[in-house]
Amino acid sequence: MKIMDKIIFDSKVSDRKILLIPAATIIATSYNPSARTKDGVEFRKLCKSIKEYGIIQPLVITADRDLVDGNRRLAAAKLNGDVYVECIILPIT
């Protein structure tokens, strides 16, 4: 039995699909501390990880493309030159 067969054997498909959204159209939260996305050792590690593996945990955005979760991942992806990022859309305003 393949690994994927083991995973999907008793699974269901979620209503929250992961979409590829243009990074430039996502509105970062204004209340996020700018120090978190400032260049530094930890931020460079995140950039390197995203460049190597991609974004492991999708960003969470609203239907209006307001960012709910993922400011650092979005900033790192943009710095890496990623045009699209994986997102989950939450049905909230």
Protein backbone atom coordinates (compact mmCIF):
# COMPACT_ATOMS: atom_id res chain seq x y z
CA MET A 1 0.00 0.00 0.00
CA LYS A 2 1.33 3.45 -0.94
CA ILE A 3 1.65 6.21 1.65
CA MET A 4 -0.97 8.34 -0.12
CA ASP A 5 -3.41 5.41 -0.05
CA LYS A 6 -3.01 5.26 3.73
CA ILE A 7 -3.70 8.99 4.03
CA ILE A 8 -6.81 9.11 1.85
CA PHE A 9 -8.33 5.81 2.95
CA ASP A 10 -10.67 7.34 5.55
CA SER A 11 -10.42 11.02 4.58
CA LYS A 12 -12.87 13.59 3.26
CA VAL A 13 -12.27 16.66 1.10
CA SER A 14 -12.46 19.94 2.98
CA ASP A 15 -14.56 22.86 1.80
CA ARG A 16 -11.49 25.05 2.38
CA LYS A 17 -9.61 24.57 -0.84
CA ILE A 18 -6.07 25.87 -1.19
CA LEU A 19 -5.87 28.48 -3.98
CA LEU A 20 -2.88 30.09 -5.66
CA ILE A 21 -3.39 33.85 -5.26
CA PRO A 22 -1.18 36.58 -6.75
CA ALA A 23 1.00 37.73 -3.84
CA ALA A 24 0.78 41.37 -4.93
CA THR A 25 -3.01 41.38 -4.47
CA ILE A 26 -2.98 40.29 -0.82
CA ILE A 27 -3.39 43.10 1.71
CA ALA A 28 -1.08 42.64 4.70
CA THR A 29 -2.45 43.55 8.10
CA SER A 30 -1.57 47.03 9.29
CA TYR A 31 -1.38 45.93 12.92
CA ASN A 32 1.42 43.41 12.32
CA PRO A 33 4.60 44.63 14.05
CA SER A 34 7.04 45.70 11.33
CA ALA A 35 9.90 44.23 13.36
CA ARG A 36 8.59 40.72 12.55
CA THR A 37 9.22 41.18 8.82
CA LYS A 38 12.42 43.20 9.21
CA ASP A 39 15.58 41.69 7.74
CA GLY A 40 17.41 39.62 10.31
CA VAL A 41 18.71 36.12 10.95
CA GLU A 42 15.30 34.53 11.59
CA PHE A 43 13.64 36.26 8.64
CA ARG A 44 16.48 35.18 6.31
CA LYS A 45 16.06 31.59 7.54
CA LEU A 46 12.37 31.79 6.67
CA CYS A 47 13.17 33.17 3.19
CA LYS A 48 15.67 30.36 2.60
CA SER A 49 13.20 27.71 3.80
CA ILE A 50 10.41 29.04 1.56
CA LYS A 51 12.78 29.19 -1.40
CA GLU A 52 13.80 25.57 -0.81
CA TYR A 53 10.50 23.95 0.24
CA GLY A 54 7.79 26.47 -0.61
CA ILE A 55 5.24 27.72 1.90
CA ILE A 56 4.43 24.72 4.08
CA GLN A 57 1.40 26.28 5.79
CA PRO A 58 -0.87 28.26 3.42
CA LEU A 59 -1.70 31.88 4.18
CA VAL A 60 -5.20 32.58 5.48
CA ILE A 61 -7.05 35.44 3.79
CA THR A 62 -10.59 36.81 3.52
CA ALA A 63 -12.55 36.95 0.26
CA ASP A 64 -11.44 40.60 0.02
CA ARG A 65 -7.82 39.34 0.18
CA ASP A 66 -7.17 40.82 3.61
CA LEU A 67 -4.48 38.76 5.29
CA VAL A 68 -5.60 37.00 8.46
CA ASP A 69 -2.52 34.84 9.09
CA GLY A 70 0.87 34.74 7.41
CA ASN A 71 2.46 38.21 7.35
CA ARG A 72 6.01 36.85 7.63
CA ARG A 73 5.41 34.12 5.04
CA LEU A 74 3.92 36.65 2.61
CA ALA A 75 6.82 39.09 3.08
CA ALA A 76 9.38 36.29 2.63
CA ALA A 77 7.64 34.92 -0.48
CA LYS A 78 7.53 38.41 -2.03
CA LEU A 79 11.21 38.95 -1.22
CA ASN A 80 11.99 35.64 -2.93
CA GLY A 81 10.12 36.83 -6.01
CA ASP A 82 7.20 34.40 -5.71
CA VAL A 83 4.34 35.65 -7.87
CA TYR A 84 1.68 33.34 -6.40
CA VAL A 85 1.21 32.04 -2.85
CA GLU A 86 -1.00 29.27 -1.53
CA CYS A 87 -3.97 30.58 0.45
CA ILE A 88 -7.04 29.37 2.25
CA ILE A 89 -10.04 31.72 2.00
CA LEU A 90 -12.04 32.20 5.21
CA PRO A 91 -15.68 33.27 4.88
CA ILE A 92 -15.32 36.21 7.29
CA THR A 93 -15.39 39.97 6.85
